[in-house]
Amino acid sequence: MSEDTHPHENRTDVVGMWVTADGHIRQELRADGRYDEARGNRISAYTGRYTVTGNHVDYVDDTGFTATGDIRDGVLHHEHLVLHREETQA
């Protein structure tokens, strides 16, 4: 792994729940380098691992499918999706 590539346990700024504006897609980026994406009522529709290089996110799902994303101004742009960090309740 290059110096510029960090598993997300070192990138606490990306760890958490990311959600589309309509709440239909919910993507959890976990501290163990894994992600779990729900779509509508379909829990764990996609699962896999991810790495972060700068603000760029590379995804590899458990079937081998790959995708990418970028975090710009606190917004995750994942392929054609726009996801915002879900606020946690205190």
N, C-alpha and C. Protein backbone atom coordinates (compact mmCIF):
# COMPACT_ATOMS: atom_id res chain seq x y z
N MET A 1 0.86 -1.18 0.00
CA MET A 1 0.00 0.00 0.00
C MET A 1 0.89 1.23 0.00
N SER A 2 0.64 2.18 -0.88
CA SER A 2 1.47 3.37 -0.97
C SER A 2 1.22 4.30 0.22
N GLU A 3 2.12 5.25 0.38
CA GLU A 3 1.96 6.21 1.48
C GLU A 3 0.69 7.02 1.34
N ASP A 4 0.24 7.26 0.10
CA ASP A 4 -0.94 8.08 -0.14
C ASP A 4 -2.24 7.31 0.02
N THR A 5 -2.17 6.00 0.14
CA THR A 5 -3.37 5.18 0.27
C THR A 5 -3.55 4.79 1.73
N HIS A 6 -4.71 5.08 2.25
CA HIS A 6 -4.96 4.81 3.65
C HIS A 6 -6.24 4.00 3.79
N PRO A 7 -6.18 2.88 4.53
CA PRO A 7 -7.45 2.24 4.85
C PRO A 7 -8.25 3.22 5.69
N HIS A 8 -9.55 3.14 5.59
CA HIS A 8 -10.34 4.19 6.22
C HIS A 8 -10.24 4.23 7.73
N GLU A 9 -9.66 3.23 8.40
CA GLU A 9 -9.50 3.37 9.85
C GLU A 9 -8.57 4.54 10.17
N ASN A 10 -7.76 4.96 9.21
CA ASN A 10 -6.91 6.13 9.39
C ASN A 10 -7.57 7.39 8.86
N ARG A 11 -8.75 7.26 8.31
CA ARG A 11 -9.45 8.40 7.72
C ARG A 11 -10.80 8.57 8.40
N THR A 12 -10.76 8.98 9.67
CA THR A 12 -12.00 9.11 10.42
C THR A 12 -12.96 10.12 9.81
N ASP A 13 -12.45 10.97 8.90
CA ASP A 13 -13.32 11.94 8.24
C ASP A 13 -14.28 11.28 7.25
N VAL A 14 -14.03 10.05 6.84
CA VAL A 14 -14.94 9.37 5.91
C VAL A 14 -15.80 8.31 6.58
N VAL A 15 -15.40 7.87 7.75
CA VAL A 15 -16.13 6.81 8.45
C VAL A 15 -17.49 7.34 8.91
N GLY A 16 -18.52 6.55 8.68
CA GLY A 16 -19.86 6.92 9.13
C GLY A 16 -20.89 6.55 8.09
N MET A 17 -22.10 7.03 8.30
CA MET A 17 -23.22 6.76 7.40
C MET A 17 -23.38 7.91 6.42
N TRP A 18 -23.44 7.57 5.15
CA TRP A 18 -23.65 8.54 4.07
C TRP A 18 -24.98 8.19 3.41
N VAL A 19 -25.81 9.21 3.15
CA VAL A 19 -27.19 8.97 2.72
C VAL A 19 -27.55 9.92 1.57
N THR A 20 -28.32 9.41 0.60
CA THR A 20 -28.84 10.28 -0.46
C THR A 20 -29.93 11.16 0.15
N ALA A 21 -30.23 12.26 -0.52
CA ALA A 21 -31.21 13.23 -0.01
C ALA A 21 -32.57 12.59 0.26
N ASP A 22 -32.95 11.63 -0.56
CA ASP A 22 -34.25 10.98 -0.36
C ASP A 22 -34.20 9.81 0.62
N GLY A 23 -33.00 9.50 1.13
CA GLY A 23 -32.85 8.42 2.11
C GLY A 23 -32.92 7.02 1.51
N HIS A 24 -33.05 6.92 0.19
CA HIS A 24 -33.21 5.61 -0.44
C HIS A 24 -31.92 4.78 -0.38
N ILE A 25 -30.78 5.45 -0.50
CA ILE A 25 -29.50 4.75 -0.47
C ILE A 25 -28.74 5.21 0.77
N ARG A 26 -28.28 4.22 1.54
CA ARG A 26 -27.54 4.46 2.77
C ARG A 26 -26.25 3.66 2.71
N GLN A 27 -25.14 4.36 2.73
CA GLN A 27 -23.85 3.69 2.62
C GLN A 27 -23.04 3.92 3.89
N GLU A 28 -22.77 2.84 4.60
CA GLU A 28 -21.97 2.92 5.81
C GLU A 28 -20.53 2.60 5.48
N LEU A 29 -19.65 3.57 5.71
CA LEU A 29 -18.21 3.35 5.57
C LEU A 29 -17.68 3.07 6.97
N ARG A 30 -17.22 1.85 7.17
CA ARG A 30 -16.82 1.40 8.51
C ARG A 30 -15.32 1.58 8.73
N ALA A 31 -14.94 1.63 9.99
CA ALA A 31 -13.55 1.85 10.38
C ALA A 31 -12.65 0.65 10.09
N ASP A 32 -13.24 -0.49 9.75
CA ASP A 32 -12.43 -1.68 9.45
C ASP A 32 -12.12 -1.83 7.96
N GLY A 33 -12.43 -0.78 7.16
CA GLY A 33 -12.14 -0.82 5.74
C GLY A 33 -13.24 -1.45 4.91
N ARG A 34 -14.37 -1.73 5.52
CA ARG A 34 -15.50 -2.34 4.83
C ARG A 34 -16.62 -1.31 4.66
N TYR A 35 -17.48 -1.56 3.67
CA TYR A 35 -18.67 -0.74 3.52
C TYR A 35 -19.88 -1.65 3.39
N ASP A 36 -21.03 -1.10 3.72
CA ASP A 36 -22.30 -1.82 3.63
C ASP A 36 -23.32 -0.82 3.10
N GLU A 37 -23.89 -1.13 1.94
CA GLU A 37 -24.82 -0.20 1.30
C GLU A 37 -26.22 -0.80 1.24
N ALA A 38 -27.18 -0.06 1.76
CA ALA A 38 -28.59 -0.45 1.70
C ALA A 38 -29.26 0.38 0.62
N ARG A 39 -30.22 -0.24 -0.07
CA ARG A 39 -31.01 0.46 -1.09
C ARG A 39 -32.47 0.18 -0.82
N GLY A 40 -33.19 1.23 -0.42
CA GLY A 40 -34.59 1.06 -0.07
C GLY A 40 -34.73 0.08 1.08
N ASN A 41 -35.56 -0.94 0.89
CA ASN A 41 -35.76 -1.96 1.92
C ASN A 41 -34.74 -3.08 1.83
N ARG A 42 -33.86 -3.00 0.86
CA ARG A 42 -32.86 -4.06 0.66
C ARG A 42 -31.62 -3.77 1.49
N ILE A 43 -31.55 -4.38 2.65
CA ILE A 43 -30.41 -4.22 3.57
C ILE A 43 -29.21 -4.96 2.99
N SER A 44 -28.04 -4.37 3.13
CA SER A 44 -26.79 -4.96 2.62
C SER A 44 -26.90 -5.34 1.15
N ALA A 45 -27.46 -4.44 0.34
CA ALA A 45 -27.57 -4.67 -1.10
C ALA A 45 -26.19 -4.84 -1.72
N TYR A 46 -25.24 -4.07 -1.24
CA TYR A 46 -23.86 -4.16 -1.69
C TYR A 46 -22.95 -4.09 -0.48
N THR A 47 -21.97 -4.98 -0.42
CA THR A 47 -20.98 -4.97 0.65
C THR A 47 -19.61 -5.19 0.03
N GLY A 48 -18.60 -4.69 0.69
CA GLY A 48 -17.25 -4.87 0.18
C GLY A 48 -16.25 -4.07 0.98
N ARG A 49 -15.16 -3.74 0.32
CA ARG A 49 -14.10 -2.98 1.00
C ARG A 49 -13.82 -1.71 0.22
N TYR A 50 -13.17 -0.78 0.89
CA TYR A 50 -12.81 0.47 0.22
C TYR A 50 -11.49 0.99 0.75
N THR A 51 -10.82 1.80 -0.05
CA THR A 51 -9.61 2.49 0.35
C THR A 51 -9.76 3.96 -0.04
N VAL A 52 -9.01 4.79 0.66
CA VAL A 52 -9.07 6.23 0.44
C VAL A 52 -7.68 6.72 0.08
N THR A 53 -7.59 7.49 -1.00
CA THR A 53 -6.36 8.15 -1.41
C THR A 53 -6.70 9.63 -1.54
N GLY A 54 -6.21 10.43 -0.61
CA GLY A 54 -6.59 11.84 -0.60
C GLY A 54 -8.09 11.93 -0.37
N ASN A 55 -8.81 12.52 -1.32
CA ASN A 55 -10.27 12.61 -1.24
C ASN A 55 -10.97 11.61 -2.15
N HIS A 56 -10.20 10.71 -2.74
CA HIS A 56 -10.74 9.72 -3.68
C HIS A 56 -10.98 8.39 -2.95
N VAL A 57 -12.13 7.78 -3.25
CA VAL A 57 -12.49 6.50 -2.64
C VAL A 57 -12.60 5.46 -3.74
N ASP A 58 -11.91 4.33 -3.54
CA ASP A 58 -12.02 3.18 -4.44
C ASP A 58 -12.76 2.07 -3.72
N TYR A 59 -13.79 1.54 -4.37
CA TYR A 59 -14.62 0.48 -3.81
C TYR A 59 -14.40 -0.82 -4.59
N VAL A 60 -14.38 -1.95 -3.89
CA VAL A 60 -14.42 -3.26 -4.51
C VAL A 60 -15.46 -4.05 -3.74
N ASP A 61 -16.58 -4.38 -4.41
CA ASP A 61 -17.61 -5.12 -3.67
C ASP A 61 -17.25 -6.60 -3.62
N ASP A 62 -17.97 -7.34 -2.82
CA ASP A 62 -17.64 -8.73 -2.56
C ASP A 62 -17.77 -9.63 -3.78
N THR A 63 -18.40 -9.14 -4.86
CA THR A 63 -18.47 -9.91 -6.10
C THR A 63 -17.35 -9.55 -7.06
N GLY A 64 -16.54 -8.52 -6.70
CA GLY A 64 -15.44 -8.09 -7.55
C GLY A 64 -15.73 -6.84 -8.36
N PHE A 65 -16.98 -6.34 -8.33
CA PHE A 65 -17.35 -5.12 -9.03
C PHE A 65 -16.61 -3.94 -8.41
N THR A 66 -16.12 -3.03 -9.23
CA THR A 66 -15.42 -1.86 -8.71
C THR A 66 -16.20 -0.58 -9.00
N ALA A 67 -15.99 0.40 -8.14
CA ALA A 67 -16.60 1.72 -8.29
C ALA A 67 -15.67 2.73 -7.64
N THR A 68 -15.94 4.00 -7.91
CA THR A 68 -15.13 5.06 -7.34
C THR A 68 -16.01 6.17 -6.79
N GLY A 69 -15.40 7.02 -6.00
CA GLY A 69 -16.09 8.19 -5.47
C GLY A 69 -15.07 9.24 -5.09
N ASP A 70 -15.58 10.43 -4.84
CA ASP A 70 -14.74 11.53 -4.38
C ASP A 70 -15.51 12.31 -3.33
N ILE A 71 -14.79 12.76 -2.32
CA ILE A 71 -15.40 13.61 -1.30
C ILE A 71 -14.97 15.04 -1.58
N ARG A 72 -15.98 15.87 -1.87
CA ARG A 72 -15.74 17.28 -2.15
C ARG A 72 -16.64 18.13 -1.27
N ASP A 73 -16.03 19.03 -0.52
CA ASP A 73 -16.78 19.92 0.37
C ASP A 73 -17.71 19.16 1.29
N GLY A 74 -17.24 18.02 1.82
CA GLY A 74 -18.03 17.24 2.77
C GLY A 74 -19.15 16.43 2.16
N VAL A 75 -19.16 16.31 0.82
CA VAL A 75 -20.19 15.55 0.11
C VAL A 75 -19.50 14.40 -0.62
N LEU A 76 -20.07 13.20 -0.50
CA LEU A 76 -19.53 12.03 -1.18
C LEU A 76 -20.22 11.87 -2.53
N HIS A 77 -19.45 11.99 -3.59
CA HIS A 77 -19.93 11.79 -4.96
C HIS A 77 -19.48 10.39 -5.36
N HIS A 78 -20.41 9.45 -5.32
CA HIS A 78 -20.11 8.03 -5.57
C HIS A 78 -20.79 7.64 -6.87
N GLU A 79 -19.95 7.52 -7.94
CA GLU A 79 -20.48 7.29 -9.28
C GLU A 79 -21.55 8.35 -9.56
N HIS A 80 -22.79 7.99 -9.82
CA HIS A 80 -23.84 8.97 -10.13
C HIS A 80 -24.59 9.45 -8.88
N LEU A 81 -24.22 8.97 -7.71
CA LEU A 81 -24.93 9.31 -6.47
C LEU A 81 -24.28 10.49 -5.76
N VAL A 82 -25.09 11.23 -5.02
CA VAL A 82 -24.61 12.30 -4.15
C VAL A 82 -25.10 11.95 -2.75
N LEU A 83 -24.15 11.74 -1.84
CA LEU A 83 -24.49 11.32 -0.48
C LEU A 83 -23.94 12.33 0.53
N HIS A 84 -24.73 12.57 1.56
CA HIS A 84 -24.33 13.47 2.64
C HIS A 84 -24.18 12.66 3.91
N ARG A 85 -23.26 13.11 4.75
CA ARG A 85 -23.05 12.41 6.01
C ARG A 85 -24.30 12.54 6.87
N GLU A 86 -24.75 11.44 7.41
CA GLU A 86 -25.92 11.45 8.28
C GLU A 86 -25.52 12.01 9.64
N GLU A 87 -26.28 12.95 10.11
CA GLU A 87 -26.02 13.53 11.42
C GLU A 87 -26.44 12.54 12.50
N THR A 88 -25.58 12.39 13.51
CA THR A 88 -25.91 11.48 14.61
C THR A 88 -26.64 12.24 15.69
N GLN A 89 -27.55 11.55 16.35
CA GLN A 89 -28.30 12.16 17.46
C GLN A 89 -27.45 12.11 18.72
N ALA A 90 -27.42 13.19 19.46
CA ALA A 90 -26.63 13.26 20.70
C ALA A 90 -27.36 12.56 21.82
